[in-house]
Amino acid sequence: MNKRKVGCLFLSTAAGIAIFTALAHMSCIFLGESCYRSQLAPEAIIQSAIDGTLLAPVGTTFVSSLFLVCAVYALSAANIIPKLPLVKVAIYSISTLCILRGLATIPISLAYPEAVSRFVITSGAIWFISGVLFLVGFRFRLSPVS
């Protein structure tokens, strides 16, 4: 398998992770406070879910939209959908943010060991892996056909 095909596979996988993440976040709107709590939402969002105010569903929809934008850019970079504007800037920005978010798990876990859980470590690893998939996948897609 050549680098361009591997790049397409990596970007498609990153898009799948982003779509799954968006759906997981949206499930909180329907499942309620316990779902927000299990996904470690900020207390203001959890309280909004309990009170039935708009902050939780609007914030959740906004965050989910960001994940879907990431997925669309990954699919565009993989040439699965038409090329979007600023795809290079978007992919590099997305990959950088994901990698930094994943790496941030380490110092945050050291600073707040009482907050460390399997979920925190797993989500940090997924952020990091997603960032690498975006970055390496895009770089491979740019490589010459071999």
N, C-alpha and C. Protein backbone atom coordinates (compact mmCIF):
# COMPACT_ATOMS: atom_id res chain seq x y z
N MET A 1 0.85 -1.18 0.00
CA MET A 1 0.00 0.00 0.00
C MET A 1 0.90 1.24 0.00
N ASN A 2 0.61 2.18 -0.89
CA ASN A 2 1.46 3.36 -0.95
C ASN A 2 1.07 4.41 0.10
N LYS A 3 1.93 5.39 0.27
CA LYS A 3 1.75 6.40 1.31
C LYS A 3 0.43 7.17 1.15
N ARG A 4 0.05 7.45 -0.08
CA ARG A 4 -1.18 8.22 -0.30
C ARG A 4 -2.41 7.44 0.17
N LYS A 5 -2.41 6.13 -0.05
CA LYS A 5 -3.54 5.30 0.42
C LYS A 5 -3.54 5.20 1.94
N VAL A 6 -2.36 5.06 2.52
CA VAL A 6 -2.26 5.02 3.99
C VAL A 6 -2.73 6.36 4.56
N GLY A 7 -2.35 7.46 3.91
CA GLY A 7 -2.80 8.78 4.34
C GLY A 7 -4.32 8.89 4.31
N CYS A 8 -4.92 8.36 3.27
CA CYS A 8 -6.38 8.36 3.15
C CYS A 8 -6.99 7.53 4.29
N LEU A 9 -6.40 6.40 4.59
CA LEU A 9 -6.88 5.55 5.69
C LEU A 9 -6.75 6.28 7.03
N PHE A 10 -5.62 6.93 7.27
CA PHE A 10 -5.41 7.66 8.52
C PHE A 10 -6.42 8.79 8.66
N LEU A 11 -6.61 9.57 7.58
CA LEU A 11 -7.55 10.69 7.63
C LEU A 11 -8.99 10.20 7.80
N SER A 12 -9.33 9.10 7.16
CA SER A 12 -10.67 8.53 7.32
C SER A 12 -10.89 8.05 8.75
N THR A 13 -9.87 7.47 9.33
CA THR A 13 -9.95 7.02 10.73
C THR A 13 -10.12 8.21 11.66
N ALA A 14 -9.35 9.27 11.42
CA ALA A 14 -9.48 10.49 12.23
C ALA A 14 -10.89 11.07 12.09
N ALA A 15 -11.42 11.05 10.88
CA ALA A 15 -12.79 11.54 10.66
C ALA A 15 -13.79 10.68 11.44
N GLY A 16 -13.60 9.37 11.42
CA GLY A 16 -14.48 8.47 12.15
C GLY A 16 -14.45 8.74 13.65
N ILE A 17 -13.26 8.97 14.18
CA ILE A 17 -13.12 9.28 15.61
C ILE A 17 -13.85 10.59 15.93
N ALA A 18 -13.69 11.59 15.06
CA ALA A 18 -14.33 12.89 15.29
C ALA A 18 -15.86 12.75 15.22
N ILE A 19 -16.37 11.97 14.28
CA ILE A 19 -17.82 11.77 14.17
C ILE A 19 -18.34 11.02 15.39
N PHE A 20 -17.64 9.97 15.81
CA PHE A 20 -18.04 9.24 17.00
C PHE A 20 -18.07 10.15 18.22
N THR A 21 -17.06 11.01 18.35
CA THR A 21 -16.98 11.93 19.47
C THR A 21 -18.15 12.91 19.45
N ALA A 22 -18.48 13.42 18.27
CA ALA A 22 -19.63 14.33 18.15
C ALA A 22 -20.91 13.63 18.58
N LEU A 23 -21.10 12.40 18.14
CA LEU A 23 -22.30 11.64 18.52
C LEU A 23 -22.32 11.35 20.02
N ALA A 24 -21.17 11.03 20.59
CA ALA A 24 -21.09 10.77 22.03
C ALA A 24 -21.48 12.02 22.81
N HIS A 25 -21.01 13.17 22.36
CA HIS A 25 -21.37 14.42 23.04
C HIS A 25 -22.87 14.70 22.89
N MET A 26 -23.40 14.51 21.69
CA MET A 26 -24.82 14.77 21.46
C MET A 26 -25.71 13.84 22.28
N SER A 27 -25.22 12.64 22.59
CA SER A 27 -26.02 11.71 23.39
C SER A 27 -26.36 12.29 24.75
N CYS A 28 -25.52 13.19 25.25
CA CYS A 28 -25.77 13.80 26.56
C CYS A 28 -27.09 14.58 26.57
N ILE A 29 -27.42 15.18 25.45
CA ILE A 29 -28.67 15.95 25.39
C ILE A 29 -29.86 15.03 25.68
N PHE A 30 -29.79 13.82 25.16
CA PHE A 30 -30.89 12.88 25.31
C PHE A 30 -30.81 12.06 26.60
N LEU A 31 -29.59 11.79 27.05
CA LEU A 31 -29.41 10.94 28.24
C LEU A 31 -29.36 11.72 29.54
N GLY A 32 -29.08 13.02 29.43
CA GLY A 32 -29.18 13.88 30.60
C GLY A 32 -27.94 14.03 31.45
N GLU A 33 -28.20 14.46 32.67
CA GLU A 33 -27.15 14.85 33.61
C GLU A 33 -26.10 13.78 33.84
N SER A 34 -26.51 12.53 33.97
CA SER A 34 -25.54 11.47 34.25
C SER A 34 -24.56 11.29 33.08
N CYS A 35 -25.03 11.50 31.87
CA CYS A 35 -24.15 11.40 30.70
C CYS A 35 -23.14 12.55 30.69
N TYR A 36 -23.63 13.76 30.96
CA TYR A 36 -22.71 14.90 31.05
C TYR A 36 -21.66 14.64 32.13
N ARG A 37 -22.11 14.15 33.27
CA ARG A 37 -21.20 13.88 34.38
C ARG A 37 -20.16 12.82 33.99
N SER A 38 -20.60 11.74 33.34
CA SER A 38 -19.67 10.67 32.97
C SER A 38 -18.65 11.12 31.92
N GLN A 39 -19.03 12.13 31.13
CA GLN A 39 -18.09 12.66 30.13
C GLN A 39 -17.30 13.85 30.67
N LEU A 40 -17.37 14.05 31.99
CA LEU A 40 -16.60 15.07 32.70
C LEU A 40 -16.87 16.49 32.21
N ALA A 41 -18.14 16.78 31.93
CA ALA A 41 -18.54 18.13 31.53
C ALA A 41 -18.33 19.08 32.70
N PRO A 42 -18.12 20.35 32.41
CA PRO A 42 -17.99 21.33 33.50
C PRO A 42 -19.28 21.37 34.34
N GLU A 43 -19.12 21.74 35.59
CA GLU A 43 -20.26 21.75 36.52
C GLU A 43 -21.40 22.64 36.04
N ALA A 44 -21.08 23.76 35.37
CA ALA A 44 -22.13 24.65 34.86
C ALA A 44 -23.00 23.94 33.81
N ILE A 45 -22.38 23.11 33.00
CA ILE A 45 -23.12 22.35 31.98
C ILE A 45 -23.99 21.29 32.66
N ILE A 46 -23.43 20.61 33.65
CA ILE A 46 -24.20 19.59 34.38
C ILE A 46 -25.40 20.23 35.06
N GLN A 47 -25.17 21.37 35.70
CA GLN A 47 -26.28 22.06 36.37
C GLN A 47 -27.33 22.51 35.36
N SER A 48 -26.91 22.96 34.19
CA SER A 48 -27.85 23.35 33.14
C SER A 48 -28.71 22.16 32.71
N ALA A 49 -28.09 21.00 32.61
CA ALA A 49 -28.85 19.79 32.25
C ALA A 49 -29.88 19.47 33.33
N ILE A 50 -29.50 19.62 34.58
CA ILE A 50 -30.42 19.36 35.70
C ILE A 50 -31.57 20.37 35.69
N ASP A 51 -31.23 21.66 35.47
CA ASP A 51 -32.22 22.73 35.51
C ASP A 51 -33.06 22.83 34.24
N GLY A 52 -32.59 22.18 33.17
CA GLY A 52 -33.33 22.25 31.91
C GLY A 52 -33.15 23.56 31.16
N THR A 53 -32.03 24.26 31.42
CA THR A 53 -31.77 25.51 30.70
C THR A 53 -31.08 25.20 29.37
N LEU A 54 -30.90 26.20 28.56
CA LEU A 54 -30.36 26.00 27.21
C LEU A 54 -28.84 25.87 27.13
N LEU A 55 -28.13 26.23 28.19
CA LEU A 55 -26.66 26.19 28.13
C LEU A 55 -26.14 24.82 27.74
N ALA A 56 -26.62 23.77 28.38
CA ALA A 56 -26.12 22.41 28.10
C ALA A 56 -26.39 21.99 26.65
N PRO A 57 -27.62 22.04 26.16
CA PRO A 57 -27.82 21.57 24.78
C PRO A 57 -27.18 22.46 23.72
N VAL A 58 -27.19 23.77 23.94
CA VAL A 58 -26.57 24.67 22.96
C VAL A 58 -25.05 24.49 22.96
N GLY A 59 -24.46 24.43 24.15
CA GLY A 59 -23.01 24.22 24.25
C GLY A 59 -22.60 22.88 23.66
N THR A 60 -23.38 21.85 23.95
CA THR A 60 -23.10 20.51 23.43
C THR A 60 -23.19 20.48 21.91
N THR A 61 -24.20 21.13 21.38
CA THR A 61 -24.37 21.18 19.92
C THR A 61 -23.21 21.93 19.28
N PHE A 62 -22.78 23.02 19.91
CA PHE A 62 -21.64 23.79 19.38
C PHE A 62 -20.37 22.94 19.37
N VAL A 63 -20.07 22.29 20.49
CA VAL A 63 -18.87 21.46 20.58
C VAL A 63 -18.93 20.30 19.57
N SER A 64 -20.09 19.68 19.47
CA SER A 64 -20.25 18.57 18.51
C SER A 64 -20.05 19.07 17.09
N SER A 65 -20.50 20.28 16.81
CA SER A 65 -20.31 20.87 15.48
C SER A 65 -18.82 21.03 15.15
N LEU A 66 -18.03 21.41 16.15
CA LEU A 66 -16.59 21.55 15.93
C LEU A 66 -15.96 20.21 15.55
N PHE A 67 -16.39 19.14 16.23
CA PHE A 67 -15.88 17.81 15.88
C PHE A 67 -16.29 17.42 14.46
N LEU A 68 -17.50 17.76 14.07
CA LEU A 68 -17.96 17.44 12.72
C LEU A 68 -17.19 18.24 11.67
N VAL A 69 -16.86 19.48 11.98
CA VAL A 69 -16.03 20.28 11.06
C VAL A 69 -14.66 19.60 10.89
N CYS A 70 -14.09 19.11 11.97
CA CYS A 70 -12.82 18.38 11.90
C CYS A 70 -12.95 17.17 10.99
N ALA A 71 -14.04 16.44 11.13
CA ALA A 71 -14.27 15.25 10.30
C ALA A 71 -14.39 15.63 8.84
N VAL A 72 -15.11 16.69 8.55
CA VAL A 72 -15.30 17.12 7.16
C VAL A 72 -13.96 17.53 6.55
N TYR A 73 -13.13 18.22 7.32
CA TYR A 73 -11.81 18.60 6.80
C TYR A 73 -10.93 17.38 6.57
N ALA A 74 -11.01 16.39 7.45
CA ALA A 74 -10.24 15.16 7.25
C ALA A 74 -10.69 14.46 5.97
N LEU A 75 -11.99 14.38 5.75
CA LEU A 75 -12.50 13.73 4.54
C LEU A 75 -12.13 14.52 3.29
N SER A 76 -12.09 15.84 3.41
CA SER A 76 -11.67 16.67 2.29
C SER A 76 -10.19 16.47 1.99
N ALA A 77 -9.37 16.41 3.03
CA ALA A 77 -7.93 16.20 2.85
C ALA A 77 -7.65 14.83 2.25
N ALA A 78 -8.53 13.87 2.53
CA ALA A 78 -8.38 12.51 1.98
C ALA A 78 -8.95 12.41 0.57
N ASN A 79 -9.48 13.50 0.05
CA ASN A 79 -10.11 13.54 -1.28
C ASN A 79 -11.33 12.63 -1.39
N ILE A 80 -12.01 12.43 -0.27
CA ILE A 80 -13.25 11.65 -0.26
C ILE A 80 -14.43 12.56 -0.58
N ILE A 81 -14.31 13.81 -0.15
CA ILE A 81 -15.30 14.83 -0.53
C ILE A 81 -14.53 15.96 -1.20
N PRO A 82 -15.23 16.89 -1.87
CA PRO A 82 -14.53 17.98 -2.56
C PRO A 82 -13.64 18.80 -1.62
N LYS A 83 -12.60 19.36 -2.20
CA LYS A 83 -11.63 20.13 -1.43
C LYS A 83 -12.29 21.37 -0.84
N LEU A 84 -12.05 21.56 0.45
CA LEU A 84 -12.56 22.72 1.16
C LEU A 84 -11.50 23.82 1.18
N PRO A 85 -11.93 25.07 1.38
CA PRO A 85 -10.94 26.15 1.47
C PRO A 85 -10.07 25.99 2.72
N LEU A 86 -8.85 26.40 2.61
CA LEU A 86 -7.90 26.40 3.73
C LEU A 86 -7.68 25.03 4.35
N VAL A 87 -7.76 23.98 3.54
CA VAL A 87 -7.63 22.62 4.08
C VAL A 87 -6.28 22.41 4.75
N LYS A 88 -5.23 22.94 4.17
CA LYS A 88 -3.89 22.77 4.75
C LYS A 88 -3.81 23.43 6.12
N VAL A 89 -4.24 24.67 6.21
CA VAL A 89 -4.23 25.39 7.49
C VAL A 89 -5.12 24.67 8.51
N ALA A 90 -6.29 24.24 8.07
CA ALA A 90 -7.23 23.58 8.98
C ALA A 90 -6.64 22.27 9.52
N ILE A 91 -6.09 21.44 8.65
CA ILE A 91 -5.55 20.15 9.09
C ILE A 91 -4.37 20.34 10.03
N TYR A 92 -3.49 21.26 9.70
CA TYR A 92 -2.35 21.50 10.59
C TYR A 92 -2.81 22.07 11.93
N SER A 93 -3.80 22.95 11.92
CA SER A 93 -4.33 23.50 13.16
C SER A 93 -5.02 22.42 13.99
N ILE A 94 -5.85 21.62 13.35
CA ILE A 94 -6.57 20.55 14.05
C ILE A 94 -5.57 19.56 14.65
N SER A 95 -4.60 19.15 13.85
CA SER A 95 -3.64 18.16 14.35
C SER A 95 -2.83 18.72 15.51
N THR A 96 -2.42 19.97 15.42
CA THR A 96 -1.66 20.60 16.50
C THR A 96 -2.48 20.66 17.79
N LEU A 97 -3.72 21.11 17.68
CA LEU A 97 -4.58 21.20 18.86
C LEU A 97 -4.83 19.83 19.48
N CYS A 98 -5.08 18.83 18.65
CA CYS A 98 -5.33 17.47 19.17
C CYS A 98 -4.09 16.91 19.87
N ILE A 99 -2.94 17.08 19.26
CA ILE A 99 -1.70 16.56 19.86
C ILE A 99 -1.42 17.28 21.18
N LEU A 100 -1.56 18.60 21.20
CA LEU A 100 -1.33 19.35 22.43
C LEU A 100 -2.32 18.97 23.51
N ARG A 101 -3.59 18.78 23.14
CA ARG A 101 -4.61 18.36 24.12
C ARG A 101 -4.27 16.98 24.68
N GLY A 102 -3.81 16.09 23.83
CA GLY A 102 -3.42 14.76 24.29
C GLY A 102 -2.22 14.81 25.22
N LEU A 103 -1.23 15.59 24.85
CA LEU A 103 -0.04 15.72 25.68
C LEU A 103 -0.33 16.44 27.00
N ALA A 104 -1.31 17.32 27.00
CA ALA A 104 -1.66 18.06 28.22
C ALA A 104 -2.17 17.14 29.32
N THR A 105 -2.60 15.96 28.96
CA THR A 105 -3.08 15.00 29.95
C THR A 105 -1.97 14.66 30.96
N ILE A 106 -0.73 14.63 30.51
CA ILE A 106 0.37 14.23 31.38
C ILE A 106 0.60 15.24 32.50
N PRO A 107 0.86 16.53 32.20
CA PRO A 107 1.09 17.46 33.31
C PRO A 107 -0.16 17.69 34.16
N ILE A 108 -1.34 17.66 33.54
CA ILE A 108 -2.58 17.84 34.32
C ILE A 108 -2.75 16.67 35.28
N SER A 109 -2.43 15.47 34.83
CA SER A 109 -2.54 14.29 35.69
C SER A 109 -1.55 14.35 36.84
N LEU A 110 -0.37 14.90 36.58
CA LEU A 110 0.63 15.04 37.65
C LEU A 110 0.23 16.13 38.64
N ALA A 111 -0.37 17.20 38.14
CA ALA A 111 -0.77 18.31 39.01
C ALA A 111 -2.01 17.97 39.84
N TYR A 112 -2.91 17.16 39.26
CA TYR A 112 -4.16 16.81 39.93
C TYR A 112 -4.35 15.30 39.93
N PRO A 113 -3.51 14.57 40.66
CA PRO A 113 -3.59 13.11 40.63
C PRO A 113 -4.94 12.55 41.11
N GLU A 114 -5.63 13.31 41.95
CA GLU A 114 -6.94 12.84 42.43
C GLU A 114 -7.99 12.84 41.32
N ALA A 115 -7.75 13.59 40.26
CA ALA A 115 -8.71 13.67 39.15
C ALA A 115 -8.42 12.67 38.04
N VAL A 116 -7.35 11.92 38.18
CA VAL A 116 -6.97 10.96 37.14
C VAL A 116 -7.89 9.75 37.19
N SER A 117 -8.40 9.40 36.03
CA SER A 117 -9.25 8.21 35.91
C SER A 117 -8.90 7.53 34.59
N ARG A 118 -9.43 6.35 34.42
CA ARG A 118 -9.23 5.63 33.17
C ARG A 118 -9.77 6.44 32.00
N PHE A 119 -10.92 7.09 32.21
CA PHE A 119 -11.53 7.91 31.16
C PHE A 119 -10.61 9.06 30.76
N VAL A 120 -10.02 9.73 31.75
CA VAL A 120 -9.13 10.86 31.48
C VAL A 120 -7.92 10.40 30.66
N ILE A 121 -7.31 9.31 31.05
CA ILE A 121 -6.13 8.79 30.35
C ILE A 121 -6.52 8.33 28.94
N THR A 122 -7.63 7.62 28.83
CA THR A 122 -8.09 7.13 27.53
C THR A 122 -8.40 8.27 26.59
N SER A 123 -9.14 9.26 27.07
CA SER A 123 -9.49 10.38 26.19
C SER A 123 -8.25 11.17 25.78
N GLY A 124 -7.30 11.34 26.69
CA GLY A 124 -6.05 12.01 26.33
C GLY A 124 -5.29 11.26 25.25
N ALA A 125 -5.25 9.94 25.38
CA ALA A 125 -4.58 9.11 24.36
C ALA A 125 -5.30 9.20 23.02
N ILE A 126 -6.62 9.21 23.06
CA ILE A 126 -7.39 9.31 21.80
C ILE A 126 -7.16 10.67 21.14
N TRP A 127 -7.12 11.74 21.93
CA TRP A 127 -6.81 13.06 21.38
C TRP A 127 -5.45 13.03 20.68
N PHE A 128 -4.45 12.49 21.37
CA PHE A 128 -3.10 12.45 20.82
C PHE A 128 -3.06 11.63 19.53
N ILE A 129 -3.63 10.44 19.56
CA ILE A 129 -3.64 9.56 18.38
C ILE A 129 -4.37 10.23 17.23
N SER A 130 -5.49 10.89 17.52
CA SER A 130 -6.23 11.58 16.46
C SER A 130 -5.38 12.66 15.82
N GLY A 131 -4.68 13.43 16.64
CA GLY A 131 -3.81 14.47 16.10
C GLY A 131 -2.73 13.91 15.20
N VAL A 132 -2.15 12.79 15.61
CA VAL A 132 -1.12 12.13 14.78
C VAL A 132 -1.73 11.62 13.48
N LEU A 133 -2.94 11.06 13.56
CA LEU A 133 -3.61 10.58 12.34
C LEU A 133 -3.88 11.72 11.37
N PHE A 134 -4.36 12.87 11.89
CA PHE A 134 -4.58 14.04 11.03
C PHE A 134 -3.27 14.48 10.38
N LEU A 135 -2.23 14.62 11.18
CA LEU A 135 -0.96 15.14 10.70
C LEU A 135 -0.27 14.19 9.72
N VAL A 136 -0.06 12.96 10.14
CA VAL A 136 0.65 11.99 9.30
C VAL A 136 -0.18 11.64 8.07
N GLY A 137 -1.50 11.50 8.27
CA GLY A 137 -2.37 11.21 7.14
C GLY A 137 -2.29 12.29 6.08
N PHE A 138 -2.31 13.53 6.50
CA PHE A 138 -2.24 14.64 5.54
C PHE A 138 -0.88 14.68 4.86
N ARG A 139 0.18 14.50 5.64
CA ARG A 139 1.52 14.51 5.05
C ARG A 139 1.67 13.38 4.02
N PHE A 140 1.13 12.22 4.34
CA PHE A 140 1.19 11.09 3.39
C PHE A 140 0.37 11.38 2.15
N ARG A 141 -0.78 12.05 2.30
CA ARG A 141 -1.60 12.39 1.14
C ARG A 141 -0.88 13.36 0.21
N LEU A 142 0.00 14.17 0.77
CA LEU A 142 0.75 15.15 -0.03
C LEU A 142 1.96 14.54 -0.73
N SER A 143 2.33 13.32 -0.32
CA SER A 143 3.54 12.71 -0.90
C SER A 143 3.29 12.31 -2.35
N PRO A 144 4.35 12.27 -3.14
CA PRO A 144 4.20 11.89 -4.54
C PRO A 144 3.72 10.43 -4.67
N VAL A 145 3.00 10.18 -5.73
CA VAL A 145 2.50 8.82 -5.99
C VAL A 145 3.70 7.93 -6.25
N SER A 146 3.71 6.75 -5.57
CA SER A 146 4.85 5.85 -5.75
C SER A 146 4.42 4.59 -6.44
